């Protein structure tokens, strides 16, 4: 039986893609692996900046809209990552879902670590048919090394969006920009 272009029970390999360094690296390194590229719009202020990078690179993607999640003033969205996985599981119900994430060795917020995703994977596999696997190929790489490799892969001069503040340029002062400076990833572009 076919649904959404895939046989029921068949693997569906999804890359969660943004305009950032990690997901772009995964896209270019493994682009022939993925069945779907999904951009998640959780009403983040920089979503248009992120989508512009993808559009400038002519990357075809689908959008999963998750508005209404509780958000702090600093932009942190509570429960975002588990909600994304839950919605993907529902979207591809009865399929063996393989989700590729750009989690790197420097991503250490509680809800964005390999341990967190392994727990989510276990709960999802107990709760839903079809099976789920969460793959994090970058979990042992640092942002700087990922950025150096990505720059070699990009087909044209484009700077990935790694800022929490919308605008024409990256602000240099938000949490993401400070992490980018600390890892020297900004020195690459």
N, C-alpha and C. Protein backbone atom coordinates (compact mmCIF):
# COMPACT_ATOMS: atom_id res chain seq x y z
N UNK A 1 0.84 -1.17 0.00
CA UNK A 1 0.00 0.00 0.00
C UNK A 1 0.89 1.25 0.00
N UNK A 2 0.57 2.23 -0.84
CA UNK A 2 1.36 3.45 -0.93
C UNK A 2 0.64 4.61 -0.26
N UNK A 3 1.40 5.37 0.52
CA UNK A 3 0.90 6.61 1.10
C UNK A 3 2.04 7.61 1.03
N UNK A 4 1.76 8.86 0.64
CA UNK A 4 2.78 9.90 0.57
C UNK A 4 3.98 9.48 -0.27
N UNK A 5 3.78 8.63 -1.28
CA UNK A 5 4.87 8.22 -2.14
C UNK A 5 5.78 7.16 -1.55
N UNK A 6 5.44 6.61 -0.39
CA UNK A 6 6.26 5.58 0.24
C UNK A 6 5.38 4.39 0.60
N UNK A 7 5.95 3.20 0.43
CA UNK A 7 5.22 2.00 0.83
C UNK A 7 5.06 2.01 2.34
N UNK A 8 3.91 1.55 2.81
CA UNK A 8 3.67 1.51 4.25
C UNK A 8 4.73 0.63 4.91
N UNK A 9 5.30 1.11 6.00
CA UNK A 9 6.35 0.39 6.70
C UNK A 9 7.74 0.68 6.16
N UNK A 10 7.83 1.34 5.02
CA UNK A 10 9.11 1.66 4.42
C UNK A 10 9.82 2.76 5.21
N UNK A 11 11.16 2.78 5.16
CA UNK A 11 11.92 3.86 5.79
C UNK A 11 11.63 5.19 5.11
N UNK A 12 11.46 6.22 5.90
CA UNK A 12 11.40 7.59 5.41
C UNK A 12 12.50 8.34 6.15
N UNK A 13 13.48 8.82 5.39
CA UNK A 13 14.64 9.50 5.97
C UNK A 13 14.45 11.01 5.84
N UNK A 14 14.39 11.67 6.99
CA UNK A 14 14.07 13.09 7.05
C UNK A 14 15.26 13.85 7.63
N UNK A 15 15.63 14.94 6.97
CA UNK A 15 16.60 15.87 7.54
C UNK A 15 15.86 17.11 7.98
N UNK A 16 16.02 17.46 9.25
CA UNK A 16 15.52 18.75 9.73
C UNK A 16 16.54 19.79 9.32
N UNK A 17 16.11 20.71 8.45
CA UNK A 17 17.05 21.65 7.86
C UNK A 17 16.67 23.08 8.20
N UNK A 18 17.69 23.86 8.50
CA UNK A 18 17.51 25.30 8.69
C UNK A 18 18.57 25.96 7.81
N UNK A 19 18.80 27.19 7.98
CA UNK A 19 19.86 27.85 7.24
C UNK A 19 21.16 27.88 8.01
N UNK A 20 21.28 27.03 9.04
CA UNK A 20 22.46 27.03 9.90
C UNK A 20 23.55 26.09 9.45
N UNK A 21 24.69 26.21 10.08
CA UNK A 21 25.90 25.47 9.73
C UNK A 21 25.68 23.96 9.80
N UNK A 22 25.12 23.48 10.90
CA UNK A 22 25.04 22.02 11.11
C UNK A 22 24.14 21.33 10.10
N UNK A 23 22.93 21.83 9.91
CA UNK A 23 22.01 21.14 9.00
C UNK A 23 22.46 21.31 7.54
N UNK A 24 23.07 22.43 7.20
CA UNK A 24 23.58 22.58 5.83
C UNK A 24 24.73 21.61 5.57
N UNK A 25 25.57 21.41 6.56
CA UNK A 25 26.65 20.44 6.43
C UNK A 25 26.07 19.05 6.16
N UNK A 26 25.08 18.66 6.96
CA UNK A 26 24.46 17.34 6.76
C UNK A 26 23.84 17.24 5.37
N UNK A 27 23.18 18.31 4.92
CA UNK A 27 22.56 18.29 3.60
C UNK A 27 23.60 18.03 2.50
N UNK A 28 24.68 18.78 2.52
CA UNK A 28 25.68 18.63 1.46
C UNK A 28 26.49 17.34 1.59
N UNK A 29 26.74 16.90 2.79
CA UNK A 29 27.52 15.66 2.97
C UNK A 29 26.71 14.42 2.60
N UNK A 30 25.42 14.43 2.92
CA UNK A 30 24.59 13.22 2.74
C UNK A 30 23.35 13.47 1.88
N UNK A 31 23.38 14.42 0.97
CA UNK A 31 22.15 14.84 0.30
C UNK A 31 21.42 13.75 -0.46
N UNK A 32 22.09 12.72 -0.87
CA UNK A 32 21.40 11.64 -1.59
C UNK A 32 20.74 10.63 -0.64
N UNK A 33 20.88 10.83 0.66
CA UNK A 33 20.33 9.92 1.66
C UNK A 33 18.88 10.24 1.99
N UNK A 34 18.51 11.52 1.93
CA UNK A 34 17.24 11.98 2.48
C UNK A 34 16.08 11.87 1.50
N UNK A 35 14.93 11.44 2.04
CA UNK A 35 13.69 11.43 1.26
C UNK A 35 12.97 12.77 1.38
N UNK A 36 13.12 13.40 2.52
CA UNK A 36 12.42 14.67 2.79
C UNK A 36 13.35 15.61 3.53
N UNK A 37 13.29 16.88 3.17
CA UNK A 37 13.95 17.95 3.91
C UNK A 37 12.84 18.78 4.53
N UNK A 38 12.89 18.95 5.84
CA UNK A 38 11.81 19.66 6.52
C UNK A 38 12.38 20.81 7.33
N UNK A 39 11.86 21.99 7.03
CA UNK A 39 12.15 23.20 7.80
C UNK A 39 11.03 23.35 8.82
N UNK A 40 11.40 23.56 10.07
CA UNK A 40 10.39 23.70 11.13
C UNK A 40 10.20 25.17 11.45
N UNK A 41 8.97 25.64 11.24
CA UNK A 41 8.59 27.01 11.57
C UNK A 41 7.84 26.97 12.89
N UNK A 42 8.55 27.31 13.98
CA UNK A 42 7.92 27.35 15.30
C UNK A 42 7.73 28.80 15.74
N UNK A 43 7.59 29.67 14.75
CA UNK A 43 7.37 31.09 14.96
C UNK A 43 8.63 31.78 15.50
N UNK A 44 9.80 31.20 15.17
CA UNK A 44 11.05 31.80 15.58
C UNK A 44 11.25 33.12 14.82
N UNK A 45 11.75 34.15 15.50
CA UNK A 45 11.89 35.46 14.86
C UNK A 45 12.76 35.44 13.61
N UNK A 46 13.70 34.51 13.50
CA UNK A 46 14.64 34.49 12.37
C UNK A 46 14.24 33.51 11.27
N UNK A 47 13.01 33.04 11.29
CA UNK A 47 12.62 32.02 10.31
C UNK A 47 12.78 32.51 8.87
N UNK A 48 12.50 33.79 8.62
CA UNK A 48 12.66 34.31 7.25
C UNK A 48 14.13 34.37 6.85
N UNK A 49 15.01 34.71 7.78
CA UNK A 49 16.45 34.70 7.51
C UNK A 49 16.92 33.28 7.20
N UNK A 50 16.45 32.32 7.98
CA UNK A 50 16.84 30.93 7.77
C UNK A 50 16.35 30.43 6.41
N UNK A 51 15.09 30.73 6.09
CA UNK A 51 14.54 30.28 4.81
C UNK A 51 15.23 30.95 3.63
N UNK A 52 15.66 32.19 3.80
CA UNK A 52 16.37 32.90 2.72
C UNK A 52 17.65 32.17 2.35
N UNK A 53 18.39 31.69 3.34
CA UNK A 53 19.62 30.94 3.06
C UNK A 53 19.27 29.70 2.23
N UNK A 54 18.25 28.96 2.65
CA UNK A 54 17.85 27.75 1.92
C UNK A 54 17.40 28.09 0.50
N UNK A 55 16.63 29.16 0.37
CA UNK A 55 16.14 29.57 -0.95
C UNK A 55 17.29 30.04 -1.84
N UNK A 56 18.24 30.81 -1.27
CA UNK A 56 19.40 31.26 -2.05
C UNK A 56 20.23 30.09 -2.54
N UNK A 57 20.27 29.01 -1.77
CA UNK A 57 21.00 27.81 -2.17
C UNK A 57 20.15 26.89 -3.04
N UNK A 58 18.92 27.30 -3.31
CA UNK A 58 17.97 26.53 -4.13
C UNK A 58 17.75 25.12 -3.60
N UNK A 59 17.57 25.06 -2.29
CA UNK A 59 17.29 23.78 -1.63
C UNK A 59 15.78 23.64 -1.49
N UNK A 60 15.23 22.56 -2.03
CA UNK A 60 13.80 22.29 -1.92
C UNK A 60 13.49 21.67 -0.57
N UNK A 61 12.53 22.20 0.12
CA UNK A 61 12.17 21.71 1.45
C UNK A 61 10.67 21.90 1.67
N UNK A 62 10.16 21.16 2.62
CA UNK A 62 8.78 21.32 3.07
C UNK A 62 8.82 22.01 4.42
N UNK A 63 7.73 22.65 4.80
CA UNK A 63 7.68 23.36 6.07
C UNK A 63 6.69 22.69 7.01
N UNK A 64 7.13 22.42 8.22
CA UNK A 64 6.28 21.94 9.30
C UNK A 64 6.01 23.13 10.21
N UNK A 65 4.76 23.52 10.36
CA UNK A 65 4.41 24.70 11.16
C UNK A 65 3.98 24.25 12.55
N UNK A 66 4.67 24.80 13.55
CA UNK A 66 4.38 24.50 14.96
C UNK A 66 4.26 25.81 15.73
N UNK A 67 3.23 26.58 15.47
CA UNK A 67 3.05 27.83 16.20
C UNK A 67 2.32 27.56 17.51
N UNK A 68 2.48 28.47 18.47
CA UNK A 68 1.78 28.36 19.74
C UNK A 68 2.56 27.68 20.84
N UNK A 69 3.82 27.33 20.59
CA UNK A 69 4.64 26.75 21.64
C UNK A 69 5.08 27.85 22.60
N UNK A 70 5.17 27.56 23.90
CA UNK A 70 5.56 28.60 24.88
C UNK A 70 6.99 29.07 24.64
N UNK A 71 7.15 30.38 24.57
CA UNK A 71 8.45 30.96 24.25
C UNK A 71 8.84 32.01 25.29
N UNK A 72 10.11 31.97 25.71
CA UNK A 72 10.63 32.96 26.65
C UNK A 72 11.06 34.21 25.89
N UNK A 73 11.29 35.29 26.62
CA UNK A 73 11.73 36.54 26.00
C UNK A 73 13.04 36.39 25.24
N UNK A 74 13.92 35.50 25.70
CA UNK A 74 15.21 35.31 25.03
C UNK A 74 15.10 34.41 23.80
N UNK A 75 13.89 33.99 23.46
CA UNK A 75 13.67 33.17 22.28
C UNK A 75 13.64 31.68 22.54
N UNK A 76 14.01 31.23 23.74
CA UNK A 76 13.99 29.80 24.04
C UNK A 76 12.55 29.29 24.00
N UNK A 77 12.34 28.18 23.33
CA UNK A 77 11.01 27.59 23.18
C UNK A 77 10.97 26.28 23.96
N UNK A 78 10.18 26.27 25.02
CA UNK A 78 10.06 25.08 25.87
C UNK A 78 9.39 23.94 25.10
N UNK A 79 9.99 22.76 25.15
CA UNK A 79 9.39 21.58 24.55
C UNK A 79 9.47 21.51 23.05
N UNK A 80 10.18 22.45 22.43
CA UNK A 80 10.24 22.52 20.97
C UNK A 80 10.72 21.21 20.36
N UNK A 81 11.83 20.68 20.84
CA UNK A 81 12.43 19.52 20.19
C UNK A 81 11.58 18.25 20.32
N UNK A 82 10.99 18.05 21.47
CA UNK A 82 10.13 16.87 21.62
C UNK A 82 8.85 17.04 20.79
N UNK A 83 8.35 18.25 20.70
CA UNK A 83 7.15 18.51 19.88
C UNK A 83 7.44 18.28 18.40
N UNK A 84 8.62 18.67 17.95
CA UNK A 84 9.01 18.44 16.55
C UNK A 84 9.03 16.94 16.26
N UNK A 85 9.67 16.17 17.13
CA UNK A 85 9.76 14.72 16.92
C UNK A 85 8.36 14.10 16.94
N UNK A 86 7.53 14.53 17.87
CA UNK A 86 6.17 14.01 17.97
C UNK A 86 5.37 14.31 16.69
N UNK A 87 5.47 15.52 16.18
CA UNK A 87 4.74 15.88 14.97
C UNK A 87 5.25 15.11 13.76
N UNK A 88 6.56 14.91 13.67
CA UNK A 88 7.10 14.11 12.57
C UNK A 88 6.61 12.66 12.66
N UNK A 89 6.56 12.13 13.88
CA UNK A 89 6.06 10.76 14.05
C UNK A 89 4.63 10.67 13.56
N UNK A 90 3.81 11.65 13.90
CA UNK A 90 2.41 11.64 13.46
C UNK A 90 2.30 11.81 11.94
N UNK A 91 3.15 12.65 11.38
CA UNK A 91 3.12 12.91 9.94
C UNK A 91 3.46 11.66 9.14
N UNK A 92 4.38 10.86 9.66
CA UNK A 92 4.82 9.65 8.96
C UNK A 92 4.45 8.40 9.74
N UNK A 93 3.23 8.37 10.22
CA UNK A 93 2.74 7.24 11.01
C UNK A 93 2.80 5.97 10.16
N UNK A 94 3.08 4.85 10.77
CA UNK A 94 3.18 3.54 10.12
C UNK A 94 4.37 3.41 9.19
N UNK A 95 5.29 4.34 9.24
CA UNK A 95 6.52 4.23 8.47
C UNK A 95 7.68 4.16 9.45
N UNK A 96 8.75 3.54 9.03
CA UNK A 96 9.97 3.54 9.84
C UNK A 96 10.65 4.88 9.61
N UNK A 97 10.54 5.75 10.58
CA UNK A 97 11.01 7.12 10.46
C UNK A 97 12.46 7.22 10.93
N UNK A 98 13.30 7.76 10.07
CA UNK A 98 14.70 8.02 10.42
C UNK A 98 14.89 9.53 10.32
N UNK A 99 15.19 10.16 11.46
CA UNK A 99 15.33 11.61 11.52
C UNK A 99 16.80 11.95 11.71
N UNK A 100 17.33 12.78 10.83
CA UNK A 100 18.71 13.24 10.93
C UNK A 100 18.71 14.64 11.53
N UNK A 101 19.50 14.81 12.59
CA UNK A 101 19.59 16.08 13.30
C UNK A 101 21.03 16.59 13.29
N UNK A 102 21.17 17.90 13.24
CA UNK A 102 22.49 18.53 13.27
C UNK A 102 22.98 18.82 14.66
N UNK A 103 22.78 17.91 15.59
CA UNK A 103 23.27 18.08 16.96
C UNK A 103 24.78 17.86 16.95
N UNK A 104 25.54 18.86 17.43
CA UNK A 104 26.99 18.71 17.46
C UNK A 104 27.50 18.60 18.89
N UNK A 105 28.79 18.38 19.06
CA UNK A 105 29.37 18.15 20.38
C UNK A 105 29.25 19.35 21.31
N UNK A 106 28.96 20.53 20.76
CA UNK A 106 28.85 21.73 21.58
C UNK A 106 27.40 22.06 21.95
N UNK A 107 26.44 21.33 21.41
CA UNK A 107 25.02 21.54 21.73
C UNK A 107 24.71 20.85 23.04
N UNK A 108 24.62 21.60 24.10
CA UNK A 108 24.46 20.95 25.40
C UNK A 108 23.26 21.46 26.19
N UNK A 109 22.28 22.08 25.54
CA UNK A 109 21.06 22.37 26.29
C UNK A 109 20.39 21.04 26.58
N UNK A 110 19.71 20.93 27.68
CA UNK A 110 19.15 19.64 28.12
C UNK A 110 18.32 18.95 27.06
N UNK A 111 17.57 19.71 26.28
CA UNK A 111 16.68 19.08 25.31
C UNK A 111 17.30 19.04 23.91
N UNK A 112 18.62 19.08 23.84
CA UNK A 112 19.28 18.99 22.54
C UNK A 112 20.59 18.21 22.65
N UNK A 113 20.55 17.15 23.43
CA UNK A 113 21.73 16.30 23.60
C UNK A 113 21.44 14.90 23.05
N UNK A 114 22.46 14.16 22.70
CA UNK A 114 22.24 12.78 22.26
C UNK A 114 21.46 11.96 23.29
N UNK A 115 21.75 12.14 24.58
CA UNK A 115 21.03 11.39 25.62
C UNK A 115 19.53 11.70 25.58
N UNK A 116 19.19 12.98 25.46
CA UNK A 116 17.79 13.38 25.36
C UNK A 116 17.11 12.69 24.18
N UNK A 117 17.74 12.74 23.02
CA UNK A 117 17.12 12.16 21.82
C UNK A 117 17.04 10.63 21.90
N UNK A 118 17.97 10.00 22.57
CA UNK A 118 17.88 8.54 22.75
C UNK A 118 16.68 8.19 23.63
N UNK A 119 16.45 8.99 24.66
CA UNK A 119 15.27 8.78 25.51
C UNK A 119 13.99 8.98 24.73
N UNK A 120 13.93 10.04 23.93
CA UNK A 120 12.75 10.32 23.10
C UNK A 120 12.53 9.16 22.12
N UNK A 121 13.59 8.70 21.52
CA UNK A 121 13.51 7.57 20.59
C UNK A 121 12.92 6.34 21.28
N UNK A 122 13.37 6.05 22.49
CA UNK A 122 12.84 4.90 23.24
C UNK A 122 11.35 5.06 23.52
N UNK A 123 10.94 6.24 23.97
CA UNK A 123 9.52 6.49 24.27
C UNK A 123 8.68 6.38 23.00
N UNK A 124 9.16 6.96 21.91
CA UNK A 124 8.40 6.90 20.65
C UNK A 124 8.27 5.47 20.15
N UNK A 125 9.32 4.69 20.29
CA UNK A 125 9.26 3.30 19.83
C UNK A 125 8.33 2.45 20.69
N UNK A 126 8.14 2.83 21.93
CA UNK A 126 7.18 2.15 22.80
C UNK A 126 5.75 2.60 22.52
N UNK A 127 5.58 3.81 21.99
CA UNK A 127 4.26 4.43 21.87
C UNK A 127 3.63 4.35 20.49
N UNK A 128 4.43 4.22 19.45
CA UNK A 128 3.92 4.28 18.08
C UNK A 128 4.39 3.08 17.28
N UNK A 129 3.58 2.69 16.30
CA UNK A 129 4.01 1.65 15.37
C UNK A 129 4.92 2.28 14.33
N UNK A 130 5.62 1.46 13.61
CA UNK A 130 6.46 1.94 12.51
C UNK A 130 7.92 2.06 12.87
N UNK A 131 8.21 2.44 14.10
CA UNK A 131 9.59 2.59 14.52
C UNK A 131 10.16 3.95 14.19
N UNK A 132 11.10 4.39 15.02
CA UNK A 132 11.77 5.67 14.82
C UNK A 132 13.23 5.53 15.20
N UNK A 133 14.07 6.18 14.44
CA UNK A 133 15.49 6.22 14.73
C UNK A 133 15.95 7.66 14.57
N UNK A 134 16.67 8.17 15.55
CA UNK A 134 17.18 9.53 15.49
C UNK A 134 18.69 9.45 15.31
N UNK A 135 19.16 10.01 14.21
CA UNK A 135 20.56 9.92 13.83
C UNK A 135 21.21 11.30 14.00
N UNK A 136 22.36 11.32 14.68
CA UNK A 136 23.08 12.57 14.93
C UNK A 136 24.54 12.40 14.48
N UNK A 137 24.80 12.48 13.17
CA UNK A 137 26.15 12.22 12.67
C UNK A 137 27.20 13.21 13.17
N UNK A 138 26.79 14.36 13.69
CA UNK A 138 27.74 15.39 14.12
C UNK A 138 27.98 15.39 15.62
N UNK A 139 27.45 14.44 16.35
CA UNK A 139 27.49 14.50 17.80
C UNK A 139 28.90 14.52 18.38
N UNK A 140 29.89 14.12 17.61
CA UNK A 140 31.28 14.15 18.10
C UNK A 140 32.13 15.21 17.40
N UNK A 141 31.48 16.09 16.62
CA UNK A 141 32.21 17.15 15.91
C UNK A 141 31.93 18.50 16.56
N UNK A 142 32.90 19.42 16.49
CA UNK A 142 32.66 20.76 17.01
C UNK A 142 32.23 21.68 15.87
N UNK A 143 31.62 22.79 16.22
CA UNK A 143 31.05 23.73 15.26
C UNK A 143 32.12 24.27 14.30
N UNK A 144 33.30 24.55 14.79
CA UNK A 144 34.35 25.11 13.94
C UNK A 144 34.73 24.14 12.83
N UNK A 145 34.95 22.87 13.17
CA UNK A 145 35.31 21.87 12.16
C UNK A 145 34.18 21.65 11.17
N UNK A 146 32.96 21.68 11.65
CA UNK A 146 31.81 21.54 10.76
C UNK A 146 31.77 22.71 9.78
N UNK A 147 31.99 23.92 10.30
CA UNK A 147 31.99 25.12 9.45
C UNK A 147 33.06 25.08 8.38
N UNK A 148 34.27 24.63 8.73
CA UNK A 148 35.36 24.54 7.75
C UNK A 148 34.98 23.57 6.63
N UNK A 149 34.43 22.42 7.00
CA UNK A 149 34.03 21.44 5.98
C UNK A 149 32.87 21.96 5.14
N UNK A 150 31.91 22.63 5.77
CA UNK A 150 30.77 23.17 5.03
C UNK A 150 31.22 24.19 3.99
N UNK A 151 32.14 25.06 4.36
CA UNK A 151 32.58 26.09 3.42
C UNK A 151 33.12 25.47 2.13
N UNK A 152 33.80 24.32 2.23
CA UNK A 152 34.32 23.62 1.06
C UNK A 152 33.19 23.07 0.18
N UNK A 153 32.03 22.78 0.82
CA UNK A 153 30.93 22.14 0.10
C UNK A 153 29.96 23.12 -0.55
N UNK A 154 29.85 24.32 0.00
CA UNK A 154 28.84 25.26 -0.50
C UNK A 154 29.10 25.61 -1.96
N UNK A 155 28.05 25.57 -2.79
CA UNK A 155 28.23 25.84 -4.21
C UNK A 155 28.47 27.31 -4.53
N UNK A 156 28.14 28.20 -3.60
CA UNK A 156 28.39 29.62 -3.81
C UNK A 156 28.60 30.30 -2.46
N UNK A 157 29.09 31.52 -2.51
CA UNK A 157 29.41 32.23 -1.27
C UNK A 157 28.13 32.67 -0.57
N UNK A 158 27.77 31.91 0.43
CA UNK A 158 26.59 32.21 1.25
C UNK A 158 27.00 31.97 2.69
N UNK A 159 26.61 32.87 3.57
CA UNK A 159 26.88 32.69 4.99
C UNK A 159 25.66 32.06 5.64
N UNK A 160 25.83 30.91 6.28
CA UNK A 160 24.70 30.29 7.00
C UNK A 160 24.17 31.25 8.07
N UNK A 161 22.90 31.14 8.40
CA UNK A 161 22.30 32.00 9.42
C UNK A 161 22.45 31.32 10.78
N UNK A 162 23.21 31.96 11.67
CA UNK A 162 23.46 31.42 13.00
C UNK A 162 23.21 32.49 14.05
N UNK A 163 22.11 33.19 13.95
CA UNK A 163 21.80 34.31 14.84
C UNK A 163 20.35 34.17 15.31
N UNK A 164 20.08 34.63 16.53
CA UNK A 164 18.72 34.57 17.08
C UNK A 164 17.92 35.83 16.81
N UNK A 165 18.54 36.82 16.14
CA UNK A 165 17.91 38.12 15.93
C UNK A 165 17.72 38.34 14.43
N UNK A 166 16.49 38.66 14.00
CA UNK A 166 16.27 38.90 12.57
C UNK A 166 16.94 40.20 12.13
N UNK A 167 17.27 40.28 10.86
CA UNK A 167 17.86 41.50 10.32
C UNK A 167 18.65 41.20 9.06
N UNK A 168 19.31 42.23 8.55
CA UNK A 168 20.12 42.08 7.35
C UNK A 168 21.43 41.34 7.64
N UNK A 169 21.97 41.56 8.85
CA UNK A 169 23.22 40.93 9.25
C UNK A 169 23.02 40.23 10.58
N UNK A 170 23.90 39.30 10.88
CA UNK A 170 23.87 38.63 12.17
C UNK A 170 24.37 39.61 13.24
N UNK A 171 23.70 39.65 14.38
CA UNK A 171 23.91 40.70 15.38
C UNK A 171 25.26 40.64 16.09
N UNK A 172 25.77 39.44 16.31
CA UNK A 172 27.04 39.30 17.01
C UNK A 172 26.94 39.26 18.52
N UNK A 173 25.74 39.49 19.07
CA UNK A 173 25.59 39.59 20.53
C UNK A 173 24.66 38.56 21.17
N UNK A 174 23.84 37.89 20.39
CA UNK A 174 22.89 36.92 20.96
C UNK A 174 23.63 35.64 21.36
N UNK A 175 22.92 34.73 22.00
CA UNK A 175 23.53 33.47 22.45
C UNK A 175 24.15 32.71 21.28
N UNK A 176 23.43 32.58 20.18
CA UNK A 176 23.95 31.82 19.03
C UNK A 176 25.18 32.48 18.42
N UNK A 177 25.15 33.81 18.33
CA UNK A 177 26.31 34.52 17.79
C UNK A 177 27.52 34.37 18.71
N UNK A 178 27.29 34.44 20.02
CA UNK A 178 28.39 34.27 20.97
C UNK A 178 28.98 32.86 20.87
N UNK A 179 28.12 31.86 20.67
CA UNK A 179 28.63 30.49 20.48
C UNK A 179 29.42 30.40 19.18
N UNK A 180 28.93 31.08 18.15
CA UNK A 180 29.65 31.10 16.87
C UNK A 180 31.01 31.76 16.99
N UNK A 181 31.07 32.86 17.75
CA UNK A 181 32.36 33.53 17.96
C UNK A 181 33.29 32.64 18.77
N UNK A 182 32.77 32.01 19.82
CA UNK A 182 33.60 31.16 20.68
C UNK A 182 34.19 30.00 19.90
N UNK A 183 33.42 29.44 18.98
CA UNK A 183 33.92 28.31 18.21
C UNK A 183 34.70 28.78 16.98
N UNK A 184 34.77 30.09 16.80
CA UNK A 184 35.45 30.72 15.68
C UNK A 184 34.82 30.37 14.34
N UNK A 185 33.57 29.91 14.36
CA UNK A 185 32.90 29.56 13.10
C UNK A 185 32.67 30.81 12.25
N UNK A 186 32.48 31.98 12.89
CA UNK A 186 32.26 33.20 12.12
C UNK A 186 33.51 33.63 11.35
N UNK A 187 34.68 33.22 11.82
CA UNK A 187 35.92 33.57 11.13
C UNK A 187 36.07 32.83 9.80
N UNK A 188 35.25 31.83 9.59
CA UNK A 188 35.33 31.01 8.38
C UNK A 188 34.76 31.75 7.17
N UNK A 189 33.73 32.55 7.41
CA UNK A 189 33.10 33.27 6.31
C UNK A 189 33.64 34.64 6.28
